[in-house]
Amino acid sequence: MTPVAAAAADLLDRLRALLPADRVREVRMFGATALMVDHALAVAVHKDGSLLVRVDPAEDARLLRNPGASRAEMGVNRPMGKGWIRVAPAPLRDDATLTTWLNAATGYLAKRARS
């Protein structure tokens, strides 16, 4: 396994440990492994160890100011729009940072479920 693949596998394992197994399903999507929580995409781990995070569009601008955060793209120069953020691998090595991003995703899913 290459170092990049190992980093992506490690990130997936860390996310699995943080999520309730009975509410999570893994799906190949966007060229990544998506973690669906209660049938909705929360995050997706890319092969390079980066993370696609679905967040509240109202929090998008604030969250994009975090280290390693950028607008997610579906291809070169094809931005996904507000609420879709890609986080580079380096900041995700920190457990607190990973938890913050996961909380942003699951918090948004909970908010959508209530409305």
PDB file of N, CA and C in Angstrom:
ATOM      1  N   MET A   1       0.856  -1.179   0.000  1.00  0.00           N
ATOM      2  CA  MET A   1       0.000   0.000   0.000  1.00  0.00           C
ATOM      3  C   MET A   1       0.897   1.236   0.000  1.00  0.00           C
ATOM      4  N   THR A   2       0.589   2.178  -0.885  1.00  0.00           N
ATOM      5  CA  THR A   2       1.377   3.405  -0.956  1.00  0.00           C
ATOM      6  C   THR A   2       1.110   4.261   0.274  1.00  0.00           C
ATOM      7  N   PRO A   3       2.026   5.203   0.587  1.00  0.00           N
ATOM      8  CA  PRO A   3       1.789   6.092   1.730  1.00  0.00           C
ATOM      9  C   PRO A   3       0.489   6.891   1.599  1.00  0.00           C
ATOM     10  N   VAL A   4       0.145   7.290   0.380  1.00  0.00           N
ATOM     11  CA  VAL A   4      -1.095   8.049   0.166  1.00  0.00           C
ATOM     12  C   VAL A   4      -2.303   7.159   0.439  1.00  0.00           C
ATOM     13  N   ALA A   5      -2.290   5.943  -0.087  1.00  0.00           N
ATOM     14  CA  ALA A   5      -3.397   5.013   0.158  1.00  0.00           C
ATOM     15  C   ALA A   5      -3.500   4.675   1.639  1.00  0.00           C
ATOM     16  N   ALA A   6      -2.365   4.549   2.297  1.00  0.00           N
ATOM     17  CA  ALA A   6      -2.369   4.259   3.728  1.00  0.00           C
ATOM     18  C   ALA A   6      -2.982   5.416   4.508  1.00  0.00           C
ATOM     19  N   ALA A   7      -2.700   6.643   4.093  1.00  0.00           N
ATOM     20  CA  ALA A   7      -3.266   7.821   4.768  1.00  0.00           C
ATOM     21  C   ALA A   7      -4.784   7.856   4.601  1.00  0.00           C
ATOM     22  N   ALA A   8      -5.276   7.533   3.412  1.00  0.00           N
ATOM     23  CA  ALA A   8      -6.718   7.505   3.165  1.00  0.00           C
ATOM     24  C   ALA A   8      -7.370   6.392   3.987  1.00  0.00           C
ATOM     25  N   ALA A   9      -6.749   5.224   4.048  1.00  0.00           N
ATOM     26  CA  ALA A   9      -7.286   4.108   4.830  1.00  0.00           C
ATOM     27  C   ALA A   9      -7.314   4.461   6.308  1.00  0.00           C
ATOM     28  N   ASP A  10      -6.271   5.124   6.789  1.00  0.00           N
ATOM     29  CA  ASP A  10      -6.217   5.542   8.189  1.00  0.00           C
ATOM     30  C   ASP A  10      -7.323   6.559   8.485  1.00  0.00           C
ATOM     31  N   LEU A  11      -7.534   7.498   7.581  1.00  0.00           N
ATOM     32  CA  LEU A  11      -8.583   8.497   7.762  1.00  0.00           C
ATOM     33  C   LEU A  11      -9.953   7.828   7.828  1.00  0.00           C
ATOM     34  N   LEU A  12     -10.190   6.872   6.957  1.00  0.00           N
ATOM     35  CA  LEU A  12     -11.455   6.129   6.990  1.00  0.00           C
ATOM     36  C   LEU A  12     -11.640   5.406   8.325  1.00  0.00           C
ATOM     37  N   ASP A  13     -10.598   4.782   8.809  1.00  0.00           N
ATOM     38  CA  ASP A  13     -10.681   4.080  10.094  1.00  0.00           C
ATOM     39  C   ASP A  13     -10.990   5.047  11.232  1.00  0.00           C
ATOM     40  N   ARG A  14     -10.355   6.212  11.217  1.00  0.00           N
ATOM     41  CA  ARG A  14     -10.595   7.211  12.268  1.00  0.00           C
ATOM     42  C   ARG A  14     -12.026   7.720  12.220  1.00  0.00           C
ATOM     43  N   LEU A  15     -12.552   7.931  11.021  1.00  0.00           N
ATOM     44  CA  LEU A  15     -13.937   8.383  10.885  1.00  0.00           C
ATOM     45  C   LEU A  15     -14.911   7.306  11.348  1.00  0.00           C
ATOM     46  N   ARG A  16     -14.655   6.067  10.976  1.00  0.00           N
ATOM     47  CA  ARG A  16     -15.521   4.960  11.412  1.00  0.00           C
ATOM     48  C   ARG A  16     -15.611   4.907  12.935  1.00  0.00           C
ATOM     49  N   ALA A  17     -14.485   5.157  13.591  1.00  0.00           N
ATOM     50  CA  ALA A  17     -14.446   5.111  15.054  1.00  0.00           C
ATOM     51  C   ALA A  17     -15.258   6.242  15.690  1.00  0.00           C
ATOM     52  N   LEU A  18     -15.426   7.337  14.963  1.00  0.00           N
ATOM     53  CA  LEU A  18     -16.151   8.496  15.494  1.00  0.00           C
ATOM     54  C   LEU A  18     -17.652   8.472  15.210  1.00  0.00           C
ATOM     55  N   LEU A  19     -18.070   7.605  14.303  1.00  0.00           N
ATOM     56  CA  LEU A  19     -19.478   7.573  13.892  1.00  0.00           C
ATOM     57  C   LEU A  19     -20.188   6.341  14.437  1.00  0.00           C
ATOM     58  N   PRO A  20     -21.484   6.470  14.712  1.00  0.00           N
ATOM     59  CA  PRO A  20     -22.248   5.304  15.182  1.00  0.00           C
ATOM     60  C   PRO A  20     -22.434   4.293  14.054  1.00  0.00           C
ATOM     61  N   ALA A  21     -21.868   3.114  14.213  1.00  0.00           N
ATOM     62  CA  ALA A  21     -21.860   2.102  13.151  1.00  0.00           C
ATOM     63  C   ALA A  21     -23.253   1.753  12.648  1.00  0.00           C
ATOM     64  N   ASP A  22     -24.251   1.789  13.528  1.00  0.00           N
ATOM     65  CA  ASP A  22     -25.600   1.403  13.116  1.00  0.00           C
ATOM     66  C   ASP A  22     -26.300   2.453  12.259  1.00  0.00           C
ATOM     67  N   ARG A  23     -25.687   3.630  12.121  1.00  0.00           N
ATOM     68  CA  ARG A  23     -26.307   4.697  11.317  1.00  0.00           C
ATOM     69  C   ARG A  23     -25.471   5.057  10.088  1.00  0.00           C
ATOM     70  N   VAL A  24     -24.386   4.312   9.845  1.00  0.00           N
ATOM     71  CA  VAL A  24     -23.447   4.663   8.779  1.00  0.00           C
ATOM     72  C   VAL A  24     -23.388   3.570   7.723  1.00  0.00           C
ATOM     73  N   ARG A  25     -23.320   4.023   6.472  1.00  0.00           N
ATOM     74  CA  ARG A  25     -23.158   3.106   5.339  1.00  0.00           C
ATOM     75  C   ARG A  25     -22.088   3.706   4.445  1.00  0.00           C
ATOM     76  N   GLU A  26     -21.193   2.878   3.940  1.00  0.00           N
ATOM     77  CA  GLU A  26     -20.133   3.339   3.045  1.00  0.00           C
ATOM     78  C   GLU A  26     -20.531   3.085   1.601  1.00  0.00           C
ATOM     79  N   VAL A  27     -20.296   4.093   0.759  1.00  0.00           N
ATOM     80  CA  VAL A  27     -20.664   4.020  -0.651  1.00  0.00           C
ATOM     81  C   VAL A  27     -19.536   4.639  -1.471  1.00  0.00           C
ATOM     82  N   ARG A  28     -19.189   3.993  -2.575  1.00  0.00           N
ATOM     83  CA  ARG A  28     -18.221   4.601  -3.510  1.00  0.00           C
ATOM     84  C   ARG A  28     -18.944   5.698  -4.280  1.00  0.00           C
ATOM     85  N   MET A  29     -18.398   6.900  -4.215  1.00  0.00           N
ATOM     86  CA  MET A  29     -19.055   8.053  -4.828  1.00  0.00           C
ATOM     87  C   MET A  29     -18.026   9.167  -5.022  1.00  0.00           C
ATOM     88  N   PHE A  30     -18.157   9.930  -6.087  1.00  0.00           N
ATOM     89  CA  PHE A  30     -17.251  11.056  -6.356  1.00  0.00           C
ATOM     90  C   PHE A  30     -15.791  10.603  -6.414  1.00  0.00           C
ATOM     91  N   GLY A  31     -15.530   9.357  -6.786  1.00  0.00           N
ATOM     92  CA  GLY A  31     -14.158   8.860  -6.809  1.00  0.00           C
ATOM     93  C   GLY A  31     -13.585   8.704  -5.411  1.00  0.00           C
ATOM     94  N   ALA A  32     -14.464   8.550  -4.432  1.00  0.00           N
ATOM     95  CA  ALA A  32     -14.054   8.480  -3.032  1.00  0.00           C
ATOM     96  C   ALA A  32     -14.920   7.455  -2.310  1.00  0.00           C
ATOM     97  N   THR A  33     -14.644   7.257  -1.039  1.00  0.00           N
ATOM     98  CA  THR A  33     -15.499   6.438  -0.189  1.00  0.00           C
ATOM     99  C   THR A  33     -16.331   7.385   0.653  1.00  0.00           C
ATOM    100  N   ALA A  34     -17.627   7.435   0.363  1.00  0.00           N
ATOM    101  CA  ALA A  34     -18.542   8.320   1.083  1.00  0.00           C
ATOM    102  C   ALA A  34     -19.081   7.614   2.312  1.00  0.00           C
ATOM    103  N   LEU A  35     -19.206   8.359   3.387  1.00  0.00           N
ATOM    104  CA  LEU A  35     -19.829   7.860   4.593  1.00  0.00           C
ATOM    105  C   LEU A  35     -21.194   8.517   4.702  1.00  0.00           C
ATOM    106  N   MET A  36     -22.204   7.693   4.536  1.00  0.00           N
ATOM    107  CA  MET A  36     -23.583   8.150   4.597  1.00  0.00           C
ATOM    108  C   MET A  36     -24.083   7.951   6.024  1.00  0.00           C
ATOM    109  N   VAL A  37     -24.636   9.003   6.612  1.00  0.00           N
ATOM    110  CA  VAL A  37     -25.213   8.924   7.946  1.00  0.00           C
ATOM    111  C   VAL A  37     -26.715   9.075   7.789  1.00  0.00           C
ATOM    112  N   ASP A  38     -27.444   8.070   8.225  1.00  0.00           N
ATOM    113  CA  ASP A  38     -28.905   8.066   8.057  1.00  0.00           C
ATOM    114  C   ASP A  38     -29.286   8.357   6.597  1.00  0.00           C
ATOM    115  N   HIS A  39     -28.587   7.720   5.681  1.00  0.00           N
ATOM    116  CA  HIS A  39     -28.864   7.770   4.235  1.00  0.00           C
ATOM    117  C   HIS A  39     -28.511   9.095   3.562  1.00  0.00           C
ATOM    118  N   ALA A  40     -27.767   9.958   4.235  1.00  0.00           N
ATOM    119  CA  ALA A  40     -27.349  11.227   3.631  1.00  0.00           C
ATOM    120  C   ALA A  40     -25.831  11.351   3.722  1.00  0.00           C
ATOM    121  N   LEU A  41     -25.215  11.883   2.666  1.00  0.00           N
ATOM    122  CA  LEU A  41     -23.767  12.014   2.644  1.00  0.00           C
ATOM    123  C   LEU A  41     -23.313  13.002   3.709  1.00  0.00           C
ATOM    124  N   ALA A  42     -22.393  12.567   4.547  1.00  0.00           N
ATOM    125  CA  ALA A  42     -21.787  13.442   5.548  1.00  0.00           C
ATOM    126  C   ALA A  42     -20.396  13.859   5.077  1.00  0.00           C
ATOM    127  N   VAL A  43     -19.553  12.865   4.800  1.00  0.00           N
ATOM    128  CA  VAL A  43     -18.184  13.109   4.347  1.00  0.00           C
ATOM    129  C   VAL A  43     -17.797  12.040   3.336  1.00  0.00           C
ATOM    130  N   ALA A  44     -16.731  12.319   2.589  1.00  0.00           N
ATOM    131  CA  ALA A  44     -16.180  11.332   1.664  1.00  0.00           C
ATOM    132  C   ALA A  44     -14.662  11.442   1.703  1.00  0.00           C
ATOM    133  N   VAL A  45     -14.008  10.304   1.819  1.00  0.00           N
ATOM    134  CA  VAL A  45     -12.545  10.245   1.858  1.00  0.00           C
ATOM    135  C   VAL A  45     -12.035   9.977   0.455  1.00  0.00           C
ATOM    136  N   HIS A  46     -11.196  10.900  -0.035  1.00  0.00           N
ATOM    137  CA  HIS A  46     -10.590  10.738  -1.353  1.00  0.00           C
ATOM    138  C   HIS A  46      -9.307   9.914  -1.246  1.00  0.00           C
ATOM    139  N   LYS A  47      -8.888   9.366  -2.352  1.00  0.00           N
ATOM    140  CA  LYS A  47      -7.701   8.504  -2.394  1.00  0.00           C
ATOM    141  C   LYS A  47      -6.443   9.231  -1.912  1.00  0.00           C
ATOM    142  N   ASP A  48      -6.413  10.564  -2.055  1.00  0.00           N
ATOM    143  CA  ASP A  48      -5.244  11.325  -1.622  1.00  0.00           C
ATOM    144  C   ASP A  48      -5.281  11.664  -0.135  1.00  0.00           C
ATOM    145  N   GLY A  49      -6.313  11.195   0.577  1.00  0.00           N
ATOM    146  CA  GLY A  49      -6.416  11.473   2.007  1.00  0.00           C
ATOM    147  C   GLY A  49      -7.129  12.765   2.340  1.00  0.00           C
ATOM    148  N   SER A  50      -7.640  13.457   1.312  1.00  0.00           N
ATOM    149  CA  SER A  50      -8.431  14.658   1.576  1.00  0.00           C
ATOM    150  C   SER A  50      -9.863  14.249   1.877  1.00  0.00           C
ATOM    151  N   LEU A  51     -10.637  15.198   2.379  1.00  0.00           N
ATOM    152  CA  LEU A  51     -11.994  14.909   2.820  1.00  0.00           C
ATOM    153  C   LEU A  51     -12.980  15.873   2.172  1.00  0.00           C
ATOM    154  N   LEU A  52     -14.018  15.319   1.567  1.00  0.00           N
ATOM    155  CA  LEU A  52     -15.146  16.109   1.081  1.00  0.00           C
ATOM    156  C   LEU A  52     -16.132  16.176   2.239  1.00  0.00           C
ATOM    157  N   VAL A  53     -16.548  17.386   2.590  1.00  0.00           N
ATOM    158  CA  VAL A  53     -17.432  17.574   3.738  1.00  0.00           C
ATOM    159  C   VAL A  53     -18.663  18.339   3.286  1.00  0.00           C
ATOM    160  N   ARG A  54     -19.834  17.817   3.615  1.00  0.00           N
ATOM    161  CA  ARG A  54     -21.109  18.488   3.335  1.00  0.00           C
ATOM    162  C   ARG A  54     -21.460  19.301   4.572  1.00  0.00           C
ATOM    163  N   VAL A  55     -21.524  20.627   4.429  1.00  0.00           N
ATOM    164  CA  VAL A  55     -21.773  21.511   5.563  1.00  0.00           C
ATOM    165  C   VAL A  55     -22.971  22.418   5.280  1.00  0.00           C
ATOM    166  N   ASP A  56     -23.430  23.061   6.310  1.00  0.00           N
ATOM    167  CA  ASP A  56     -24.515  24.025   6.186  1.00  0.00           C
ATOM    168  C   ASP A  56     -24.047  25.164   5.270  1.00  0.00           C
ATOM    169  N   PRO A  57     -24.758  25.432   4.178  1.00  0.00           N
ATOM    170  CA  PRO A  57     -24.361  26.534   3.304  1.00  0.00           C
ATOM    171  C   PRO A  57     -24.249  27.872   4.030  1.00  0.00           C
ATOM    172  N   ALA A  58     -25.012  28.051   5.092  1.00  0.00           N
ATOM    173  CA  ALA A  58     -24.933  29.292   5.865  1.00  0.00           C
ATOM    174  C   ALA A  58     -23.598  29.412   6.610  1.00  0.00           C
ATOM    175  N   GLU A  59     -22.919  28.286   6.842  1.00  0.00           N
ATOM    176  CA  GLU A  59     -21.626  28.273   7.537  1.00  0.00           C
ATOM    177  C   GLU A  59     -20.444  28.177   6.569  1.00  0.00           C
ATOM    178  N   ASP A  60     -20.744  28.071   5.291  1.00  0.00           N
ATOM    179  CA  ASP A  60     -19.753  27.818   4.253  1.00  0.00           C
ATOM    180  C   ASP A  60     -18.585  28.811   4.280  1.00  0.00           C
ATOM    181  N   ALA A  61     -18.861  30.097   4.231  1.00  0.00           N
ATOM    182  CA  ALA A  61     -17.800  31.112   4.158  1.00  0.00           C
ATOM    183  C   ALA A  61     -16.897  31.048   5.387  1.00  0.00           C
ATOM    184  N   ARG A  62     -17.486  30.873   6.550  1.00  0.00           N
ATOM    185  CA  ARG A  62     -16.698  30.797   7.785  1.00  0.00           C
ATOM    186  C   ARG A  62     -15.810  29.554   7.765  1.00  0.00           C
ATOM    187  N   LEU A  63     -16.366  28.430   7.379  1.00  0.00           N
ATOM    188  CA  LEU A  63     -15.607  27.182   7.370  1.00  0.00           C
ATOM    189  C   LEU A  63     -14.497  27.180   6.326  1.00  0.00           C
ATOM    190  N   LEU A  64     -14.701  27.878   5.231  1.00  0.00           N
ATOM    191  CA  LEU A  64     -13.660  27.949   4.195  1.00  0.00           C
ATOM    192  C   LEU A  64     -12.409  28.690   4.667  1.00  0.00           C
ATOM    193  N   ARG A  65     -12.497  29.409   5.765  1.00  0.00           N
ATOM    194  CA  ARG A  65     -11.333  30.125   6.300  1.00  0.00           C
ATOM    195  C   ARG A  65     -10.409  29.210   7.108  1.00  0.00           C
ATOM    196  N   ASN A  66     -10.829  27.975   7.350  1.00  0.00           N
ATOM    197  CA  ASN A  66     -10.003  27.028   8.102  1.00  0.00           C
ATOM    198  C   ASN A  66      -8.821  26.553   7.261  1.00  0.00           C
ATOM    199  N   PRO A  67      -7.691  26.237   7.921  1.00  0.00           N
ATOM    200  CA  PRO A  67      -6.520  25.733   7.189  1.00  0.00           C
ATOM    201  C   PRO A  67      -6.856  24.498   6.363  1.00  0.00           C
ATOM    202  N   GLY A  68      -6.421  24.506   5.118  1.00  0.00           N
ATOM    203  CA  GLY A  68      -6.600  23.367   4.226  1.00  0.00           C
ATOM    204  C   GLY A  68      -7.954  23.265   3.565  1.00  0.00           C
ATOM    205  N   ALA A  69      -8.885  24.170   3.892  1.00  0.00           N
ATOM    206  CA  ALA A  69     -10.234  24.116   3.327  1.00  0.00           C
ATOM    207  C   ALA A  69     -10.296  24.860   1.999  1.00  0.00           C
ATOM    208  N   SER A  70     -11.027  24.285   1.059  1.00  0.00           N
ATOM    209  CA  SER A  70     -11.238  24.934  -0.243  1.00  0.00           C
ATOM    210  C   SER A  70     -12.589  24.494  -0.794  1.00  0.00           C
ATOM    211  N   ARG A  71     -13.065  25.213  -1.796  1.00  0.00           N
ATOM    212  CA  ARG A  71     -14.326  24.837  -2.445  1.00  0.00           C
ATOM    213  C   ARG A  71     -14.123  23.491  -3.136  1.00  0.00           C
ATOM    214  N   ALA A  72     -14.984  22.562  -2.883  1.00  0.00           N
ATOM    215  CA  ALA A  72     -14.906  21.256  -3.539  1.00  0.00           C
ATOM    216  C   ALA A  72     -15.229  21.414  -5.018  1.00  0.00           C
ATOM    217  N   GLU A  73     -14.590  20.593  -5.835  1.00  0.00           N
ATOM    218  CA  GLU A  73     -14.809  20.622  -7.278  1.00  0.00           C
ATOM    219  C   GLU A  73     -15.149  19.221  -7.776  1.00  0.00           C
ATOM    220  N   MET A  74     -16.005  19.167  -8.792  1.00  0.00           N
ATOM    221  CA  MET A  74     -16.354  17.898  -9.442  1.00  0.00           C
ATOM    222  C   MET A  74     -15.421  17.612 -10.614  1.00  0.00           C
ATOM    223  N   GLY A  75     -14.495  18.466 -10.816  1.00  0.00           N
ATOM    224  CA  GLY A  75     -13.519  18.366 -11.888  1.00  0.00           C
ATOM    225  C   GLY A  75     -12.800  19.700 -11.936  1.00  0.00           C
ATOM    226  N   VAL A  76     -11.814  19.800 -12.775  1.00  0.00           N
ATOM    227  CA  VAL A  76     -11.046  21.034 -12.868  1.00  0.00           C
ATOM    228  C   VAL A  76     -11.969  22.200 -13.219  1.00  0.00           C
ATOM    229  N   ASN A  77     -11.926  23.222 -12.369  1.00  0.00           N
ATOM    230  CA  ASN A  77     -12.713  24.446 -12.558  1.00  0.00           C
ATOM    231  C   ASN A  77     -14.224  24.202 -12.595  1.00  0.00           C
ATOM    232  N   ARG A  78     -14.699  23.182 -11.877  1.00  0.00           N
ATOM    233  CA  ARG A  78     -16.137  22.896 -11.776  1.00  0.00           C
ATOM    234  C   ARG A  78     -16.535  22.843 -10.302  1.00  0.00           C
ATOM    235  N   PRO A  79     -16.644  24.035  -9.667  1.00  0.00           N
ATOM    236  CA  PRO A  79     -16.954  24.070  -8.233  1.00  0.00           C
ATOM    237  C   PRO A  79     -18.331  23.488  -7.932  1.00  0.00           C
ATOM    238  N   MET A  80     -18.435  22.858  -6.775  1.00  0.00           N
ATOM    239  CA  MET A  80     -19.677  22.219  -6.371  1.00  0.00           C
ATOM    240  C   MET A  80     -20.668  23.198  -5.737  1.00  0.00           C
ATOM    241  N   GLY A  81     -20.228  24.344  -5.297  1.00  0.00           N
ATOM    242  CA  GLY A  81     -21.127  25.324  -4.715  1.00  0.00           C
ATOM    243  C   GLY A  81     -21.088  25.330  -3.196  1.00  0.00           C
ATOM    244  N   LYS A  82     -21.848  26.241  -2.635  1.00  0.00           N
ATOM    245  CA  LYS A  82     -21.873  26.404  -1.180  1.00  0.00           C
ATOM    246  C   LYS A  82     -22.316  25.117  -0.502  1.00  0.00           C
ATOM    247  N   GLY A  83     -21.669  24.848   0.619  1.00  0.00           N
ATOM    248  CA  GLY A  83     -22.011  23.664   1.390  1.00  0.00           C
ATOM    249  C   GLY A  83     -21.161  22.448   1.081  1.00  0.00           C
ATOM    250  N   TRP A  84     -20.276  22.558   0.105  1.00  0.00           N
ATOM    251  CA  TRP A  84     -19.384  21.455  -0.266  1.00  0.00           C
ATOM    252  C   TRP A  84     -17.943  21.938  -0.133  1.00  0.00           C
ATOM    253  N   ILE A  85     -17.225  21.388   0.835  1.00  0.00           N
ATOM    254  CA  ILE A  85     -15.857  21.817   1.126  1.00  0.00           C
ATOM    255  C   ILE A  85     -14.927  20.616   1.070  1.00  0.00           C
ATOM    256  N   ARG A  86     -13.760  20.844   0.502  1.00  0.00           N
ATOM    257  CA  ARG A  86     -12.723  19.813   0.491  1.00  0.00           C
ATOM    258  C   ARG A  86     -11.631  20.255   1.452  1.00  0.00           C
ATOM    259  N   VAL A  87     -11.219  19.345   2.320  1.00  0.00           N
ATOM    260  CA  VAL A  87     -10.182  19.634   3.303  1.00  0.00           C
ATOM    261  C   VAL A  87      -8.941  18.820   2.948  1.00  0.00           C
ATOM    262  N   ALA A  88      -7.814  19.508   2.847  1.00  0.00           N
ATOM    263  CA  ALA A  88      -6.540  18.863   2.513  1.00  0.00           C
ATOM    264  C   ALA A  88      -6.145  17.866   3.602  1.00  0.00           C
ATOM    265  N   PRO A  89      -5.317  16.892   3.265  1.00  0.00           N
ATOM    266  CA  PRO A  89      -4.939  15.852   4.225  1.00  0.00           C
ATOM    267  C   PRO A  89      -4.210  16.354   5.475  1.00  0.00           C
ATOM    268  N   ALA A  90      -3.303  17.306   5.341  1.00  0.00           N
ATOM    269  CA  ALA A  90      -2.456  17.706   6.476  1.00  0.00           C
ATOM    270  C   ALA A  90      -3.237  18.127   7.720  1.00  0.00           C
ATOM    271  N   PRO A  91      -4.212  19.027   7.617  1.00  0.00           N
ATOM    272  CA  PRO A  91      -4.928  19.422   8.835  1.00  0.00           C
ATOM    273  C   PRO A  91      -5.720  18.276   9.465  1.00  0.00           C
ATOM    274  N   LEU A  92      -6.081  17.289   8.670  1.00  0.00           N
ATOM    275  CA  LEU A  92      -6.905  16.182   9.161  1.00  0.00           C
ATOM    276  C   LEU A  92      -6.126  15.202  10.023  1.00  0.00           C
ATOM    277  N   ARG A  93      -4.813  15.332  10.056  1.00  0.00           N
ATOM    278  CA  ARG A  93      -4.007  14.449  10.908  1.00  0.00           C
ATOM    279  C   ARG A  93      -4.270  14.720  12.386  1.00  0.00           C
ATOM    280  N   ASP A  94      -4.745  15.914  12.683  1.00  0.00           N
ATOM    281  CA  ASP A  94      -5.071  16.302  14.051  1.00  0.00           C
ATOM    282  C   ASP A  94      -6.482  15.809  14.387  1.00  0.00           C
ATOM    283  N   ASP A  95      -6.611  15.031  15.461  1.00  0.00           N
ATOM    284  CA  ASP A  95      -7.921  14.469  15.819  1.00  0.00           C
ATOM    285  C   ASP A  95      -8.968  15.537  16.090  1.00  0.00           C
ATOM    286  N   ALA A  96      -8.573  16.624  16.742  1.00  0.00           N
ATOM    287  CA  ALA A  96      -9.535  17.691  17.050  1.00  0.00           C
ATOM    288  C   ALA A  96     -10.054  18.338  15.769  1.00  0.00           C
ATOM    289  N   THR A  97      -9.180  18.535  14.807  1.00  0.00           N
ATOM    290  CA  THR A  97      -9.593  19.127  13.535  1.00  0.00           C
ATOM    291  C   THR A  97     -10.535  18.188  12.792  1.00  0.00           C
ATOM    292  N   LEU A  98     -10.189  16.912  12.749  1.00  0.00           N
ATOM    293  CA  LEU A  98     -11.058  15.938  12.092  1.00  0.00           C
ATOM    294  C   LEU A  98     -12.435  15.918  12.754  1.00  0.00           C
ATOM    295  N   THR A  99     -12.470  15.932  14.060  1.00  0.00           N
ATOM    296  CA  THR A  99     -13.737  15.925  14.786  1.00  0.00           C
ATOM    297  C   THR A  99     -14.546  17.183  14.491  1.00  0.00           C
ATOM    298  N   THR A 100     -13.879  18.320  14.391  1.00  0.00           N
ATOM    299  CA  THR A 100     -14.576  19.571  14.067  1.00  0.00           C
ATOM    300  C   THR A 100     -15.258  19.478  12.718  1.00  0.00           C
ATOM    301  N   TRP A 101     -14.557  18.938  11.713  1.00  0.00           N
ATOM    302  CA  TRP A 101     -15.155  18.800  10.383  1.00  0.00           C
ATOM    303  C   TRP A 101     -16.298  17.783  10.387  1.00  0.00           C
ATOM    304  N   LEU A 102     -16.116  16.694  11.084  1.00  0.00           N
ATOM    305  CA  LEU A 102     -17.173  15.693  11.155  1.00  0.00           C
ATOM    306  C   LEU A 102     -18.409  16.263  11.866  1.00  0.00           C
ATOM    307  N   ASN A 103     -18.193  17.036  12.917  1.00  0.00           N
ATOM    308  CA  ASN A 103     -19.312  17.673  13.616  1.00  0.00           C
ATOM    309  C   ASN A 103     -20.038  18.673  12.724  1.00  0.00           C
ATOM    310  N   ALA A 104     -19.291  19.386  11.880  1.00  0.00           N
ATOM    311  CA  ALA A 104     -19.931  20.325  10.940  1.00  0.00           C
ATOM    312  C   ALA A 104     -20.847  19.560   9.983  1.00  0.00           C
ATOM    313  N   ALA A 105     -20.386  18.413   9.525  1.00  0.00           N
ATOM    314  CA  ALA A 105     -21.182  17.609   8.587  1.00  0.00           C
ATOM    315  C   ALA A 105     -22.398  16.996   9.261  1.00  0.00           C
ATOM    316  N   THR A 106     -22.196  16.339  10.385  1.00  0.00           N
ATOM    317  CA  THR A 106     -23.317  15.667  11.051  1.00  0.00           C
ATOM    318  C   THR A 106     -24.286  16.670  11.664  1.00  0.00           C
ATOM    319  N   GLY A 107     -23.783  17.815  12.091  1.00  0.00           N
ATOM    320  CA  GLY A 107     -24.667  18.864  12.603  1.00  0.00           C
ATOM    321  C   GLY A 107     -25.591  19.379  11.521  1.00  0.00           C
ATOM    322  N   TYR A 108     -25.057  19.536  10.317  1.00  0.00           N
ATOM    323  CA  TYR A 108     -25.888  19.981   9.200  1.00  0.00           C
ATOM    324  C   TYR A 108     -26.939  18.919   8.844  1.00  0.00           C
ATOM    325  N   LEU A 109     -26.538  17.661   8.857  1.00  0.00           N
ATOM    326  CA  LEU A 109     -27.512  16.597   8.562  1.00  0.00           C
ATOM    327  C   LEU A 109     -28.633  16.582   9.603  1.00  0.00           C
ATOM    328  N   ALA A 110     -28.287  16.765  10.864  1.00  0.00           N
ATOM    329  CA  ALA A 110     -29.300  16.793  11.928  1.00  0.00           C
ATOM    330  C   ALA A 110     -30.237  17.986  11.749  1.00  0.00           C
ATOM    331  N   LYS A 111     -29.666  19.121  11.375  1.00  0.00           N
ATOM    332  CA  LYS A 111     -30.484  20.327  11.147  1.00  0.00           C
ATOM    333  C   LYS A 111     -31.456  20.099   9.994  1.00  0.00           C
ATOM    334  N   ARG A 112     -30.976  19.486   8.923  1.00  0.00           N
ATOM    335  CA  ARG A 112     -31.855  19.191   7.764  1.00  0.00           C
ATOM    336  C   ARG A 112     -32.955  18.218   8.148  1.00  0.00           C
ATOM    337  N   ALA A 113     -32.637  17.249   8.983  1.00  0.00           N
ATOM    338  CA  ALA A 113     -33.621  16.238   9.388  1.00  0.00           C
ATOM    339  C   ALA A 113     -34.735  16.853  10.238  1.00  0.00           C
ATOM    340  N   ARG A 114     -34.393  17.894  11.016  1.00  0.00           N
ATOM    341  CA  ARG A 114     -35.396  18.551  11.860  1.00  0.00           C
ATOM    342  C   ARG A 114     -36.340  19.442  11.079  1.00  0.00           C
ATOM    343  N   SER A 115     -35.887  19.901   9.909  1.00  0.00           N
ATOM    344  CA  SER A 115     -36.729  20.849   9.153  1.00  0.00           C
ATOM    345  C   SER A 115     -37.636  20.171   8.155  1.00  0.00           C
TER     346      SER A 115
END
